[in-house]
Amino acid sequence: MVPIDEDVTYGADRGYEQHYIDNAGVKKEVRGEPISEMNRGNKINSCDRESKTRDNDRQAAFEAGSKEKEDEVKKKKQEEGDGEKCP
């Protein structure tokens, strides 16, 4: 196995993870439903974007990490001319 990213902060890592969940099509299952052939995979987000209890600086680090990964992927797609979804 090869790491996707190295030397990232905890906040950035959580943001990256959320970016992958949002854009790789892996969060489509229903929370609270039993695991089955049709209901398996990510059921929750890595970080709650609507959190009312998380420290603002920590929330900002998650959002910055997600935005950073989003920008990185967009740039890579433009350079490669690839319109496919990828993490």
C-alpha atoms as a PDB file:
ATOM      1  CA  MET A   1       0.000   0.000   0.000  1.00  0.00           C
ATOM      2  CA  VAL A   2       1.242   3.483  -0.860  1.00  0.00           C
ATOM      3  CA  PRO A   3       0.210   6.547   1.174  1.00  0.00           C
ATOM      4  CA  ILE A   4      -1.890   9.080  -0.709  1.00  0.00           C
ATOM      5  CA  ASP A   5      -0.447  11.999   1.269  1.00  0.00           C
ATOM      6  CA  GLU A   6       2.350  12.395   3.789  1.00  0.00           C
ATOM      7  CA  ASP A   7       3.264  14.900   6.503  1.00  0.00           C
ATOM      8  CA  VAL A   8      -0.198  16.436   6.903  1.00  0.00           C
ATOM      9  CA  THR A   9      -1.777  17.832  10.034  1.00  0.00           C
ATOM     10  CA  TYR A  10      -4.690  16.110  11.738  1.00  0.00           C
ATOM     11  CA  GLY A  11      -7.088  18.831  10.567  1.00  0.00           C
ATOM     12  CA  ALA A  12      -5.883  18.661   6.975  1.00  0.00           C
ATOM     13  CA  ASP A  13      -6.094  14.873   7.039  1.00  0.00           C
ATOM     14  CA  ARG A  14      -9.719  14.966   8.184  1.00  0.00           C
ATOM     15  CA  GLY A  15     -10.473  17.507   5.457  1.00  0.00           C
ATOM     16  CA  TYR A  16      -8.789  15.303   2.838  1.00  0.00           C
ATOM     17  CA  GLU A  17     -10.797  12.325   4.064  1.00  0.00           C
ATOM     18  CA  GLN A  18     -14.025  14.335   3.795  1.00  0.00           C
ATOM     19  CA  HIS A  19     -13.095  15.382   0.256  1.00  0.00           C
ATOM     20  CA  TYR A  20     -12.647  11.732  -0.719  1.00  0.00           C
ATOM     21  CA  ILE A  21     -15.991  10.783   0.874  1.00  0.00           C
ATOM     22  CA  ASP A  22     -17.764  13.631  -0.953  1.00  0.00           C
ATOM     23  CA  ASN A  23     -16.200  12.993  -4.348  1.00  0.00           C
ATOM     24  CA  ALA A  24     -15.526   9.292  -4.702  1.00  0.00           C
ATOM     25  CA  GLY A  25     -19.167   8.244  -4.526  1.00  0.00           C
ATOM     26  CA  VAL A  26     -18.689   6.131  -1.414  1.00  0.00           C
ATOM     27  CA  LYS A  27     -21.219   7.828   0.896  1.00  0.00           C
ATOM     28  CA  LYS A  28     -24.568   6.631  -0.295  1.00  0.00           C
ATOM     29  CA  GLU A  29     -25.646   4.225   2.392  1.00  0.00           C
ATOM     30  CA  VAL A  30     -28.281   4.893   5.039  1.00  0.00           C
ATOM     31  CA  ARG A  31     -27.298   5.339   8.656  1.00  0.00           C
ATOM     32  CA  GLY A  32     -29.376   3.291  11.079  1.00  0.00           C
ATOM     33  CA  GLU A  33     -30.240   0.679   8.460  1.00  0.00           C
ATOM     34  CA  PRO A  34     -28.689  -2.798   8.823  1.00  0.00           C
ATOM     35  CA  ILE A  35     -25.578  -3.560   6.779  1.00  0.00           C
ATOM     36  CA  SER A  36     -26.523  -5.492   3.655  1.00  0.00           C
ATOM     37  CA  GLU A  37     -25.400  -5.949   0.051  1.00  0.00           C
ATOM     38  CA  MET A  38     -27.134  -2.653  -0.785  1.00  0.00           C
ATOM     39  CA  ASN A  39     -26.232  -0.773   2.410  1.00  0.00           C
ATOM     40  CA  ARG A  40     -22.507  -0.921   3.095  1.00  0.00           C
ATOM     41  CA  GLY A  41     -19.648   1.566   3.004  1.00  0.00           C
ATOM     42  CA  ASN A  42     -19.312   5.053   4.468  1.00  0.00           C
ATOM     43  CA  LYS A  43     -22.448   6.082   6.313  1.00  0.00           C
ATOM     44  CA  ILE A  44     -21.150   9.187   8.042  1.00  0.00           C
ATOM     45  CA  ASN A  45     -18.908  12.109   7.222  1.00  0.00           C
ATOM     46  CA  SER A  46     -15.354  12.441   8.431  1.00  0.00           C
ATOM     47  CA  CYS A  47     -16.152  15.855   9.872  1.00  0.00           C
ATOM     48  CA  ASP A  48     -19.487  17.570  10.488  1.00  0.00           C
ATOM     49  CA  ARG A  49     -19.565  20.735   8.423  1.00  0.00           C
ATOM     50  CA  GLU A  50     -22.474  22.041  10.500  1.00  0.00           C
ATOM     51  CA  SER A  51     -20.874  21.412  13.909  1.00  0.00           C
ATOM     52  CA  LYS A  52     -22.023  23.794  16.628  1.00  0.00           C
ATOM     53  CA  THR A  53     -19.680  22.381  19.277  1.00  0.00           C
ATOM     54  CA  ARG A  54     -16.293  22.094  17.538  1.00  0.00           C
ATOM     55  CA  ASP A  55     -13.766  24.858  18.134  1.00  0.00           C
ATOM     56  CA  ASN A  56     -13.820  27.345  15.231  1.00  0.00           C
ATOM     57  CA  ASP A  57     -10.085  26.964  14.544  1.00  0.00           C
ATOM     58  CA  ARG A  58     -10.403  23.189  14.358  1.00  0.00           C
ATOM     59  CA  GLN A  59     -13.438  23.428  12.064  1.00  0.00           C
ATOM     60  CA  ALA A  60     -11.527  25.858   9.865  1.00  0.00           C
ATOM     61  CA  ALA A  61      -8.616  23.380   9.628  1.00  0.00           C
ATOM     62  CA  PHE A  62     -10.994  20.640   8.419  1.00  0.00           C
ATOM     63  CA  GLU A  63     -12.537  22.942   5.822  1.00  0.00           C
ATOM     64  CA  ALA A  64      -9.124  24.197   4.667  1.00  0.00           C
ATOM     65  CA  GLY A  65      -7.904  20.614   4.237  1.00  0.00           C
ATOM     66  CA  SER A  66     -10.966  19.698   2.193  1.00  0.00           C
ATOM     67  CA  LYS A  67     -10.583  22.804   0.016  1.00  0.00           C
ATOM     68  CA  GLU A  68      -6.857  22.157  -0.426  1.00  0.00           C
ATOM     69  CA  LYS A  69      -7.509  18.611  -1.641  1.00  0.00           C
ATOM     70  CA  GLU A  70     -10.335  19.778  -3.897  1.00  0.00           C
ATOM     71  CA  ASP A  71      -8.057  22.377  -5.517  1.00  0.00           C
ATOM     72  CA  GLU A  72      -5.247  19.818  -5.890  1.00  0.00           C
ATOM     73  CA  VAL A  73      -7.544  17.338  -7.633  1.00  0.00           C
ATOM     74  CA  LYS A  74      -8.997  20.018  -9.952  1.00  0.00           C
ATOM     75  CA  LYS A  75      -5.501  21.122 -10.957  1.00  0.00           C
ATOM     76  CA  LYS A  76      -4.425  17.537 -11.606  1.00  0.00           C
ATOM     77  CA  LYS A  77      -7.519  16.886 -13.735  1.00  0.00           C
ATOM     78  CA  GLN A  78      -6.854  20.024 -15.782  1.00  0.00           C
ATOM     79  CA  GLU A  79      -3.230  19.030 -16.345  1.00  0.00           C
ATOM     80  CA  GLU A  80      -4.219  15.507 -17.365  1.00  0.00           C
ATOM     81  CA  GLY A  81      -7.332  16.542 -19.255  1.00  0.00           C
ATOM     82  CA  ASP A  82      -9.277  13.931 -17.308  1.00  0.00           C
ATOM     83  CA  GLY A  83     -12.969  14.546 -16.710  1.00  0.00           C
ATOM     84  CA  GLU A  84     -13.448  11.397 -14.631  1.00  0.00           C
ATOM     85  CA  LYS A  85     -14.114  11.585 -10.888  1.00  0.00           C
ATOM     86  CA  CYS A  86     -11.131  10.608  -8.798  1.00  0.00           C
ATOM     87  CA  PRO A  87     -10.048  11.093  -5.207  1.00  0.00           C
END
